[in-house]
Structure formats: structure tokens, C-alpha cells
C-alpha atoms as a PDB file:
ATOM      1  CA  UNK A   1      12.222 -71.495  25.492  1.00  0.00           C
ATOM      2  CA  UNK A   2       8.699 -71.856  24.526  1.00  0.00           C
ATOM      3  CA  UNK A   3       7.781 -72.868  28.051  1.00  0.00           C
ATOM      4  CA  UNK A   4       9.506 -69.860  29.554  1.00  0.00           C
ATOM      5  CA  UNK A   5       7.622 -67.598  27.298  1.00  0.00           C
ATOM      6  CA  UNK A   6       4.198 -69.221  28.291  1.00  0.00           C
ATOM      7  CA  UNK A   7       5.017 -68.837  31.997  1.00  0.00           C
ATOM      8  CA  UNK A   8       5.896 -65.312  31.523  1.00  0.00           C
ATOM      9  CA  UNK A   9       2.674 -64.399  29.882  1.00  0.00           C
ATOM     10  CA  UNK A  10       0.733 -66.303  32.429  1.00  0.00           C
ATOM     11  CA  UNK A  11       2.543 -64.404  35.319  1.00  0.00           C
ATOM     12  CA  UNK A  12       1.924 -60.969  33.470  1.00  0.00           C
ATOM     13  CA  UNK A  13      -1.865 -61.729  32.865  1.00  0.00           C
ATOM     14  CA  UNK A  14      -2.243 -62.823  36.496  1.00  0.00           C
ATOM     15  CA  UNK A  15      -0.596 -59.647  37.817  1.00  0.00           C
ATOM     16  CA  UNK A  16      -2.529 -57.503  35.527  1.00  0.00           C
ATOM     17  CA  UNK A  17      -5.868 -59.114  36.487  1.00  0.00           C
ATOM     18  CA  UNK A  18      -4.969 -58.534  40.359  1.00  0.00           C
ATOM     19  CA  UNK A  19      -3.983 -54.845  39.936  1.00  0.00           C
ATOM     20  CA  UNK A  20      -7.025 -54.358  37.650  1.00  0.00           C
ATOM     21  CA  UNK A  21      -9.622 -55.054  40.358  1.00  0.00           C
ATOM     22  CA  UNK A  22     -10.606 -52.284  42.584  1.00  0.00           C
ATOM     23  CA  UNK A  23     -10.427 -53.193  46.402  1.00  0.00           C
ATOM     24  CA  UNK A  24     -14.004 -54.031  47.735  1.00  0.00           C
ATOM     25  CA  UNK A  25     -14.654 -52.549  51.256  1.00  0.00           C
ATOM     26  CA  UNK A  26     -17.511 -52.168  53.522  1.00  0.00           C
ATOM     27  CA  UNK A  27     -18.611 -48.489  54.107  1.00  0.00           C
ATOM     28  CA  UNK A  28     -20.986 -47.184  56.662  1.00  0.00           C
ATOM     29  CA  UNK A  29     -23.572 -44.706  55.805  1.00  0.00           C
ATOM     30  CA  UNK A  30     -26.140 -42.321  57.554  1.00  0.00           C
ATOM     31  CA  UNK A  31     -29.461 -41.170  55.813  1.00  0.00           C
ATOM     32  CA  UNK A  32     -31.218 -37.927  56.893  1.00  0.00           C
ATOM     33  CA  UNK A  33     -34.002 -35.797  55.586  1.00  0.00           C
ATOM     34  CA  UNK A  34     -34.148 -31.990  55.190  1.00  0.00           C
ATOM     35  CA  UNK A  35     -34.991 -31.486  58.800  1.00  0.00           C
ATOM     36  CA  UNK A  36     -31.787 -33.413  59.778  1.00  0.00           C
ATOM     37  CA  UNK A  37     -33.692 -36.306  61.131  1.00  0.00           C
ATOM     38  CA  UNK A  38     -32.585 -39.796  60.482  1.00  0.00           C
ATOM     39  CA  UNK A  39     -34.537 -41.877  57.963  1.00  0.00           C
ATOM     40  CA  UNK A  40     -35.142 -45.449  59.021  1.00  0.00           C
ATOM     41  CA  UNK A  41     -36.267 -48.407  56.748  1.00  0.00           C
ATOM     42  CA  UNK A  42     -34.622 -47.018  53.695  1.00  0.00           C
ATOM     43  CA  UNK A  43     -33.647 -49.404  51.319  1.00  0.00           C
ATOM     44  CA  UNK A  44     -30.021 -49.124  49.827  1.00  0.00           C
ATOM     45  CA  UNK A  45     -29.046 -51.279  46.807  1.00  0.00           C
ATOM     46  CA  UNK A  46     -25.768 -51.507  45.278  1.00  0.00           C
ATOM     47  CA  UNK A  47     -26.727 -51.511  41.498  1.00  0.00           C
ATOM     48  CA  UNK A  48     -23.457 -52.871  40.413  1.00  0.00           C
ATOM     49  CA  UNK A  49     -23.455 -55.966  42.766  1.00  0.00           C
ATOM     50  CA  UNK A  50     -27.325 -56.169  43.507  1.00  0.00           C
ATOM     51  CA  UNK A  51     -26.313 -56.390  47.279  1.00  0.00           C
ATOM     52  CA  UNK A  52     -28.678 -54.614  49.589  1.00  0.00           C
ATOM     53  CA  UNK A  53     -29.400 -53.515  53.098  1.00  0.00           C
ATOM     54  CA  UNK A  54     -31.900 -51.355  55.055  1.00  0.00           C
ATOM     55  CA  UNK A  55     -31.317 -48.352  57.471  1.00  0.00           C
ATOM     56  CA  UNK A  56     -31.885 -48.796  61.216  1.00  0.00           C
ATOM     57  CA  UNK A  57     -33.953 -46.265  63.389  1.00  0.00           C
ATOM     58  CA  UNK A  58     -30.998 -44.002  63.496  1.00  0.00           C
ATOM     59  CA  UNK A  59     -30.762 -43.884  59.740  1.00  0.00           C
ATOM     60  CA  UNK A  60     -27.362 -45.862  59.847  1.00  0.00           C
ATOM     61  CA  UNK A  61     -26.414 -48.677  57.480  1.00  0.00           C
ATOM     62  CA  UNK A  62     -23.391 -50.629  56.254  1.00  0.00           C
ATOM     63  CA  UNK A  63     -22.715 -52.097  52.748  1.00  0.00           C
ATOM     64  CA  UNK A  64     -19.878 -53.501  50.733  1.00  0.00           C
ATOM     65  CA  UNK A  65     -18.819 -51.186  47.717  1.00  0.00           C
ATOM     66  CA  UNK A  66     -16.054 -50.649  45.008  1.00  0.00           C
ATOM     67  CA  UNK A  67     -14.876 -47.276  43.788  1.00  0.00           C
ATOM     68  CA  UNK A  68     -17.373 -46.200  41.031  1.00  0.00           C
ATOM     69  CA  UNK A  69     -20.417 -48.343  42.325  1.00  0.00           C
ATOM     70  CA  UNK A  70     -23.831 -46.726  42.268  1.00  0.00           C
ATOM     71  CA  UNK A  71     -25.947 -46.852  45.408  1.00  0.00           C
ATOM     72  CA  UNK A  72     -29.953 -46.499  44.918  1.00  0.00           C
ATOM     73  CA  UNK A  73     -31.840 -45.267  48.144  1.00  0.00           C
ATOM     74  CA  UNK A  74     -35.474 -45.618  48.296  1.00  0.00           C
ATOM     75  CA  UNK A  75     -38.332 -44.995  50.722  1.00  0.00           C
ATOM     76  CA  UNK A  76     -41.990 -44.560  50.235  1.00  0.00           C
ATOM     77  CA  UNK A  77     -42.012 -41.001  51.844  1.00  0.00           C
ATOM     78  CA  UNK A  78     -38.853 -39.765  50.012  1.00  0.00           C
ATOM     79  CA  UNK A  79     -37.820 -39.280  46.440  1.00  0.00           C
ATOM     80  CA  UNK A  80     -35.479 -41.989  45.014  1.00  0.00           C
ATOM     81  CA  UNK A  81     -31.771 -41.045  45.068  1.00  0.00           C
ATOM     82  CA  UNK A  82     -28.713 -42.543  43.308  1.00  0.00           C
ATOM     83  CA  UNK A  83     -25.350 -41.724  44.528  1.00  0.00           C
ATOM     84  CA  UNK A  84     -21.881 -42.878  42.991  1.00  0.00           C
ATOM     85  CA  UNK A  85     -19.043 -44.091  45.340  1.00  0.00           C
ATOM     86  CA  UNK A  86     -16.158 -41.666  45.186  1.00  0.00           C
ATOM     87  CA  UNK A  87     -12.480 -42.020  46.161  1.00  0.00           C
ATOM     88  CA  UNK A  88     -13.418 -39.794  49.320  1.00  0.00           C
ATOM     89  CA  UNK A  89     -16.062 -42.230  50.354  1.00  0.00           C
ATOM     90  CA  UNK A  90     -13.564 -45.154  49.938  1.00  0.00           C
ATOM     91  CA  UNK A  91     -10.902 -43.293  51.887  1.00  0.00           C
ATOM     92  CA  UNK A  92     -13.079 -42.180  54.758  1.00  0.00           C
ATOM     93  CA  UNK A  93     -15.231 -45.212  54.805  1.00  0.00           C
ATOM     94  CA  UNK A  94     -18.305 -43.395  55.361  1.00  0.00           C
ATOM     95  CA  UNK A  95     -21.064 -41.602  53.162  1.00  0.00           C
ATOM     96  CA  UNK A  96     -23.733 -39.047  54.290  1.00  0.00           C
ATOM     97  CA  UNK A  97     -26.955 -38.979  52.402  1.00  0.00           C
ATOM     98  CA  UNK A  98     -30.016 -36.550  52.414  1.00  0.00           C
ATOM     99  CA  UNK A  99     -33.254 -37.453  51.066  1.00  0.00           C
ATOM    100  CA  UNK A 100     -36.081 -35.287  49.830  1.00  0.00           C
ATOM    101  CA  UNK A 101     -39.571 -35.582  50.983  1.00  0.00           C
ATOM    102  CA  UNK A 102     -42.255 -36.553  48.458  1.00  0.00           C
ATOM    103  CA  UNK A 103     -45.036 -34.212  47.720  1.00  0.00           C
ATOM    104  CA  UNK A 104     -48.566 -35.706  48.326  1.00  0.00           C
ATOM    105  CA  UNK A 105     -49.659 -36.877  44.910  1.00  0.00           C
ATOM    106  CA  UNK A 106     -53.036 -38.424  44.099  1.00  0.00           C
ATOM    107  CA  UNK A 107     -52.993 -41.452  41.812  1.00  0.00           C
ATOM    108  CA  UNK A 108     -54.412 -40.993  38.338  1.00  0.00           C
ATOM    109  CA  UNK A 109     -57.934 -42.210  37.944  1.00  0.00           C
ATOM    110  CA  UNK A 110     -59.250 -43.606  34.938  1.00  0.00           C
ATOM    111  CA  UNK A 111     -62.778 -43.243  34.055  1.00  0.00           C
ATOM    112  CA  UNK A 112     -64.132 -46.363  32.622  1.00  0.00           C
ATOM    113  CA  UNK A 113     -67.774 -45.176  32.191  1.00  0.00           C
ATOM    114  CA  UNK A 114     -68.483 -42.693  29.340  1.00  0.00           C
ATOM    115  CA  UNK A 115     -69.954 -39.584  30.486  1.00  0.00           C
ATOM    116  CA  UNK A 116     -72.870 -37.850  28.608  1.00  0.00           C
ATOM    117  CA  UNK A 117     -72.586 -34.484  30.335  1.00  0.00           C
ATOM    118  CA  UNK A 118     -75.977 -35.065  31.905  1.00  0.00           C
ATOM    119  CA  UNK A 119     -75.353 -35.304  35.665  1.00  0.00           C
ATOM    120  CA  UNK A 120     -78.761 -36.854  36.401  1.00  0.00           C
ATOM    121  CA  UNK A 121     -78.073 -39.706  33.781  1.00  0.00           C
ATOM    122  CA  UNK A 122     -74.297 -40.194  34.525  1.00  0.00           C
ATOM    123  CA  UNK A 123     -75.117 -40.882  38.237  1.00  0.00           C
ATOM    124  CA  UNK A 124     -77.413 -44.015  37.218  1.00  0.00           C
ATOM    125  CA  UNK A 125     -75.530 -47.166  37.545  1.00  0.00           C
ATOM    126  CA  UNK A 126     -76.699 -49.249  34.724  1.00  0.00           C
ATOM    127  CA  UNK A 127     -74.751 -51.839  32.517  1.00  0.00           C
ATOM    128  CA  UNK A 128     -76.672 -50.842  29.359  1.00  0.00           C
ATOM    129  CA  UNK A 129     -76.269 -47.572  27.662  1.00  0.00           C
ATOM    130  CA  UNK A 130     -77.363 -44.770  29.869  1.00  0.00           C
ATOM    131  CA  UNK A 131     -77.243 -42.055  27.121  1.00  0.00           C
ATOM    132  CA  UNK A 132     -80.536 -40.074  27.406  1.00  0.00           C
ATOM    133  CA  UNK A 133     -82.750 -40.533  24.524  1.00  0.00           C
ATOM    134  CA  UNK A 134     -84.706 -37.696  23.000  1.00  0.00           C
ATOM    135  CA  UNK A 135     -88.350 -37.878  22.099  1.00  0.00           C
ATOM    136  CA  UNK A 136     -89.406 -38.306  18.555  1.00  0.00           C
ATOM    137  CA  UNK A 137     -90.852 -34.850  18.189  1.00  0.00           C
ATOM    138  CA  UNK A 138     -88.131 -33.006  20.068  1.00  0.00           C
ATOM    139  CA  UNK A 139     -87.131 -30.993  17.008  1.00  0.00           C
ATOM    140  CA  UNK A 140     -90.587 -30.394  15.684  1.00  0.00           C
ATOM    141  CA  UNK A 141     -91.375 -26.714  16.026  1.00  0.00           C
ATOM    142  CA  UNK A 142     -94.534 -26.633  13.858  1.00  0.00           C
ATOM    143  CA  UNK A 143     -96.869 -26.545  17.129  1.00  0.00           C
ATOM    144  CA  UNK A 144     -94.917 -23.922  18.945  1.00  0.00           C
ATOM    145  CA  UNK A 145     -96.815 -20.536  19.526  1.00  0.00           C
ATOM    146  CA  UNK A 146     -94.193 -17.704  18.387  1.00  0.00           C
ATOM    147  CA  UNK A 147     -96.861 -15.036  18.679  1.00  0.00           C
ATOM    148  CA  UNK A 148     -96.305 -14.409  22.442  1.00  0.00           C
ATOM    149  CA  UNK A 149     -92.407 -13.981  21.805  1.00  0.00           C
ATOM    150  CA  UNK A 150     -91.827 -10.117  21.809  1.00  0.00           C
ATOM    151  CA  UNK A 151     -89.862  -9.155  18.813  1.00  0.00           C
ATOM    152  CA  UNK A 152     -88.433  -5.543  18.614  1.00  0.00           C
ATOM    153  CA  UNK A 153     -87.922  -4.759  14.729  1.00  0.00           C
ATOM    154  CA  UNK A 154     -86.773  -1.295  15.440  1.00  0.00           C
ATOM    155  CA  UNK A 155     -83.162  -2.392  16.459  1.00  0.00           C
ATOM    156  CA  UNK A 156     -80.829  -3.586  13.930  1.00  0.00           C
ATOM    157  CA  UNK A 157     -78.899  -6.778  14.692  1.00  0.00           C
ATOM    158  CA  UNK A 158     -75.162  -6.257  15.291  1.00  0.00           C
ATOM    159  CA  UNK A 159     -72.887  -6.465  12.168  1.00  0.00           C
ATOM    160  CA  UNK A 160     -71.226  -9.838  11.523  1.00  0.00           C
ATOM    161  CA  UNK A 161     -68.011  -8.058  10.959  1.00  0.00           C
ATOM    162  CA  UNK A 162     -68.004  -6.531  14.578  1.00  0.00           C
ATOM    163  CA  UNK A 163     -68.634 -10.053  16.052  1.00  0.00           C
ATOM    164  CA  UNK A 164     -65.911 -11.810  13.943  1.00  0.00           C
ATOM    165  CA  UNK A 165     -63.327  -8.981  13.197  1.00  0.00           C
ATOM    166  CA  UNK A 166     -61.136  -8.146  16.013  1.00  0.00           C
ATOM    167  CA  UNK A 167     -59.849  -5.115  14.204  1.00  0.00           C
ATOM    168  CA  UNK A 168     -63.308  -3.736  13.463  1.00  0.00           C
ATOM    169  CA  UNK A 169     -64.108  -4.023  17.300  1.00  0.00           C
ATOM    170  CA  UNK A 170     -61.601  -1.418  18.170  1.00  0.00           C
ATOM    171  CA  UNK A 171     -61.852   0.657  14.936  1.00  0.00           C
ATOM    172  CA  UNK A 172     -62.279   4.530  15.808  1.00  0.00           C
ATOM    173  CA  UNK A 173     -61.082   3.803  19.327  1.00  0.00           C
ATOM    174  CA  UNK A 174     -57.763   5.821  20.466  1.00  0.00           C
ATOM    175  CA  UNK A 175     -54.586   3.695  20.809  1.00  0.00           C
ATOM    176  CA  UNK A 176     -54.290   4.472  24.274  1.00  0.00           C
ATOM    177  CA  UNK A 177     -57.664   3.178  25.132  1.00  0.00           C
ATOM    178  CA  UNK A 178     -56.872  -0.178  23.731  1.00  0.00           C
ATOM    179  CA  UNK A 179     -54.326  -0.887  26.417  1.00  0.00           C
ATOM    180  CA  UNK A 180     -51.240  -1.783  24.630  1.00  0.00           C
ATOM    181  CA  UNK A 181     -48.533  -1.967  27.546  1.00  0.00           C
ATOM    182  CA  UNK A 182     -45.194  -0.222  26.852  1.00  0.00           C
ATOM    183  CA  UNK A 183     -41.795  -1.296  27.723  1.00  0.00           C
ATOM    184  CA  UNK A 184     -41.697   0.917  30.820  1.00  0.00           C
ATOM    185  CA  UNK A 185     -44.729  -0.777  32.397  1.00  0.00           C
ATOM    186  CA  UNK A 186     -43.596  -4.149  31.810  1.00  0.00           C
ATOM    187  CA  UNK A 187     -40.202  -3.420  33.343  1.00  0.00           C
ATOM    188  CA  UNK A 188     -41.895  -2.016  36.309  1.00  0.00           C
ATOM    189  CA  UNK A 189     -44.292  -4.996  36.780  1.00  0.00           C
ATOM    190  CA  UNK A 190     -41.033  -7.167  36.402  1.00  0.00           C
ATOM    191  CA  UNK A 191     -39.180  -5.179  38.996  1.00  0.00           C
ATOM    192  CA  UNK A 192     -42.182  -5.107  41.303  1.00  0.00           C
ATOM    193  CA  UNK A 193     -42.699  -8.988  41.016  1.00  0.00           C
ATOM    194  CA  UNK A 194     -38.987  -9.503  41.918  1.00  0.00           C
ATOM    195  CA  UNK A 195     -39.333  -7.201  44.902  1.00  0.00           C
ATOM    196  CA  UNK A 196     -42.423  -9.133  46.268  1.00  0.00           C
ATOM    197  CA  UNK A 197     -40.537 -12.412  45.856  1.00  0.00           C
ATOM    198  CA  UNK A 198     -37.628 -11.011  47.888  1.00  0.00           C
ATOM    199  CA  UNK A 199     -40.057  -9.830  50.666  1.00  0.00           C
ATOM    200  CA  UNK A 200     -41.716 -13.345  50.729  1.00  0.00           C
ATOM    201  CA  UNK A 201     -38.518 -15.318  50.425  1.00  0.00           C
ATOM    202  CA  UNK A 202     -38.130 -15.724  54.323  1.00  0.00           C
ATOM    203  CA  UNK A 203     -41.617 -17.157  54.517  1.00  0.00           C
ATOM    204  CA  UNK A 204     -40.987 -19.528  51.458  1.00  0.00           C
ATOM    205  CA  UNK A 205     -37.801 -20.823  52.967  1.00  0.00           C
ATOM    206  CA  UNK A 206     -39.484 -21.331  56.544  1.00  0.00           C
ATOM    207  CA  UNK A 207     -42.406 -23.310  54.688  1.00  0.00           C
ATOM    208  CA  UNK A 208     -39.739 -25.348  52.563  1.00  0.00           C
ATOM    209  CA  UNK A 209     -37.248 -26.250  55.298  1.00  0.00           C
ATOM    210  CA  UNK A 210     -39.388 -25.991  58.395  1.00  0.00           C
ATOM    211  CA  UNK A 211     -39.258 -24.347  61.763  1.00  0.00           C
ATOM    212  CA  UNK A 212     -37.553 -27.231  63.361  1.00  0.00           C
ATOM    213  CA  UNK A 213     -34.464 -26.740  60.963  1.00  0.00           C
ATOM    214  CA  UNK A 214     -34.139 -23.006  61.575  1.00  0.00           C
ATOM    215  CA  UNK A 215     -35.190 -22.542  65.076  1.00  0.00           C
ATOM    216  CA  UNK A 216     -34.206 -25.920  66.728  1.00  0.00           C
ATOM    217  CA  UNK A 217     -31.173 -27.288  64.763  1.00  0.00           C
ATOM    218  CA  UNK A 218     -29.604 -24.087  63.893  1.00  0.00           C
ATOM    219  CA  UNK A 219     -30.937 -22.083  67.076  1.00  0.00           C
ATOM    220  CA  UNK A 220     -31.770 -19.031  65.014  1.00  0.00           C
ATOM    221  CA  UNK A 221     -34.056 -16.587  67.208  1.00  0.00           C
ATOM    222  CA  UNK A 222     -37.509 -16.437  65.747  1.00  0.00           C
ATOM    223  CA  UNK A 223     -37.486 -12.528  66.030  1.00  0.00           C
ATOM    224  CA  UNK A 224     -34.152 -12.563  63.990  1.00  0.00           C
ATOM    225  CA  UNK A 225     -35.112 -14.929  61.335  1.00  0.00           C
ATOM    226  CA  UNK A 226     -35.894 -12.349  58.296  1.00  0.00           C
ATOM    227  CA  UNK A 227     -32.446 -10.642  59.255  1.00  0.00           C
ATOM    228  CA  UNK A 228     -30.720 -14.044  59.103  1.00  0.00           C
ATOM    229  CA  UNK A 229     -32.210 -14.680  55.679  1.00  0.00           C
ATOM    230  CA  UNK A 230     -30.946 -11.183  54.530  1.00  0.00           C
ATOM    231  CA  UNK A 231     -27.750 -11.898  56.092  1.00  0.00           C
ATOM    232  CA  UNK A 232     -27.212 -14.970  53.604  1.00  0.00           C
ATOM    233  CA  UNK A 233     -28.723 -13.251  50.616  1.00  0.00           C
ATOM    234  CA  UNK A 234     -25.302 -12.467  49.285  1.00  0.00           C
ATOM    235  CA  UNK A 235     -24.666 -16.243  48.753  1.00  0.00           C
ATOM    236  CA  UNK A 236     -27.318 -16.510  45.984  1.00  0.00           C
ATOM    237  CA  UNK A 237     -30.034 -18.213  48.209  1.00  0.00           C
ATOM    238  CA  UNK A 238     -32.775 -16.791  46.014  1.00  0.00           C
ATOM    239  CA  UNK A 239     -31.460 -18.419  42.994  1.00  0.00           C
ATOM    240  CA  UNK A 240     -30.872 -21.564  44.681  1.00  0.00           C
ATOM    241  CA  UNK A 241     -34.422 -21.706  46.021  1.00  0.00           C
ATOM    242  CA  UNK A 242     -35.838 -20.986  42.647  1.00  0.00           C
ATOM    243  CA  UNK A 243     -33.844 -23.882  41.228  1.00  0.00           C
ATOM    244  CA  UNK A 244     -34.906 -26.160  44.281  1.00  0.00           C
ATOM    245  CA  UNK A 245     -31.180 -26.756  45.360  1.00  0.00           C
ATOM    246  CA  UNK A 246     -32.324 -27.691  48.877  1.00  0.00           C
ATOM    247  CA  UNK A 247     -29.306 -29.524  49.990  1.00  0.00           C
ATOM    248  CA  UNK A 248     -27.067 -26.472  48.946  1.00  0.00           C
ATOM    249  CA  UNK A 249     -29.323 -24.125  50.837  1.00  0.00           C
ATOM    250  CA  UNK A 250     -29.088 -26.394  54.044  1.00  0.00           C
ATOM    251  CA  UNK A 251     -25.180 -26.441  53.584  1.00  0.00           C
ATOM    252  CA  UNK A 252     -25.089 -22.549  53.296  1.00  0.00           C
ATOM    253  CA  UNK A 253     -27.555 -21.886  56.353  1.00  0.00           C
ATOM    254  CA  UNK A 254     -25.664 -24.390  58.477  1.00  0.00           C
ATOM    255  CA  UNK A 255     -22.364 -22.716  57.943  1.00  0.00           C
ATOM    256  CA  UNK A 256     -23.587 -19.110  58.086  1.00  0.00           C
ATOM    257  CA  UNK A 257     -25.739 -19.581  61.105  1.00  0.00           C
ATOM    258  CA  UNK A 258     -22.427 -20.125  63.272  1.00  0.00           C
ATOM    259  CA  UNK A 259     -21.040 -16.672  62.427  1.00  0.00           C
ATOM    260  CA  UNK A 260     -24.545 -15.253  62.546  1.00  0.00           C
ATOM    261  CA  UNK A 261     -25.100 -16.329  66.189  1.00  0.00           C
ATOM    262  CA  UNK A 262     -21.664 -15.018  67.231  1.00  0.00           C
ATOM    263  CA  UNK A 263     -22.378 -11.698  65.708  1.00  0.00           C
ATOM    264  CA  UNK A 264     -25.736 -11.139  67.382  1.00  0.00           C
ATOM    265  CA  UNK A 265     -24.271 -12.422  70.737  1.00  0.00           C
ATOM    266  CA  UNK A 266     -21.547  -9.816  70.554  1.00  0.00           C
ATOM    267  CA  UNK A 267     -24.011  -7.172  69.718  1.00  0.00           C
ATOM    268  CA  UNK A 268     -25.932  -7.693  72.847  1.00  0.00           C
END
């Protein structure tokens, strides 16, 4: 009886171990940048298994994964990205990845030489202390001739209160001349600022995503570009741009460009 119980427990544990393990598959991937161009020589690492690979000239790669694994994608020209393998990736056996370009950043420079503020002395390369030394009688004013300095005793020096008290400076001045903004002027400035941003949104998007994306990939006519941006404005592209949601903007423009091109073709 004891042997049968032991055999049953072993069989149960073996079955549990087999069903508890996620199936490991090899998925294919494609890496592109915001201009929809392939990214080659990107390093793809499975952080759960430490297995890695590199994308080819077409931005393609293949790597073994399980459900829930994390992939880290790195390239010197792009920002690091981490992606979790989903059930959809496992089912379709493919994953599409977009990388954002890095901004040109200068490395931090550490100044090991202690600067004095005197340019002439700071430029001298010496191992010893380069701090300029003052003459012994630098602060001796006994031999200075003050008789040649014109002094006007008719004018009184300004009151120290006027120099230090901010309230005294505007005492007796009408409130309107002090320049305190009211709520209406603040509101108008905010509205004007928001309007200026909307007017410049098309140029900002063109600068961020590039002419190749809009005019080559999406085939938007250059003369119709501002109208196309206005056409997509109801989808909240202004807010997405402010939050730097580049991938969501790309998805919206790709989808809306199809209907937009059909619309302008019918209007001809």
C-alpha cells in the first residue's frame, strides 16, 4: 500500500512539473526606427535566459523565448527598450519593435584644475599653485591722492531704506503702474500661447518625425501637410506630442493617411 502511494505521489509531481513549465519557442522579430527604416546591429538579450542575438541589415532577428520573458534591445544610436513577451507574440511567433533615436548629448566634463576667475592665470599650465599673489602694499591707500577725485557734496546719498526695502521703492506709486497682472490678462496669455502652439504643431511634428515619414512613407502631398495634421487633430495628437508618445502618433498617422488620401483623391 505504501509503495502504491509513493508511486502515485511521484506521478502527480511529474505531471505538475511538466504542465507548470511554459513552452519555449523561437520567435522572429523586426526592429525599425521612427522613420520606418530597419535597424541593423541591434543587440537583443533575453533577460530571463541570458540568450542573445543581433539584428541583420534588414532589422530582422530570431530568439528563443517563453511567455512572460523580457527582451532588452540596445543600439548606440537608439534608446534602450525592454519588451515583455505576450500571449499574442507566442501565438503569432513574431514581434515588431520600434526604437527611438538618441539625442546628441555631450559627456560630462570634470574640471580637475581649480580655477581662480582670472583668465590670464587660469590659462597658464603649471603644476604648482597658479593663484595670483597680491603685492604686499596692495591695500595700502595712504599714498593715494584723493584731491583729484571730484566730490559733489550738494547731492544727498540715496536712502538705505530705498535700496533695501522693496515696499519703499514703490511707495506713492499708483497700483496700476506697478504692473500687477489681473486674471483676464493671464488667461489671455495662456490662450495666446495655446493658439501659437497649435499653429506651430505641424512644423514641430515634421521636425520630430521627418519628411521621409510623412512625404515618402505615408505619401502625404507637401502642400496638403498642414491640412492633414488638422485632419488628425480630433484624435488628440497635440496631447500625445506633448507627452512624447511617438509610437502612438506614428500609428495614428499611418491609419488616418489611408482615408485622407482617398478623400483628397475624390475631391480632385
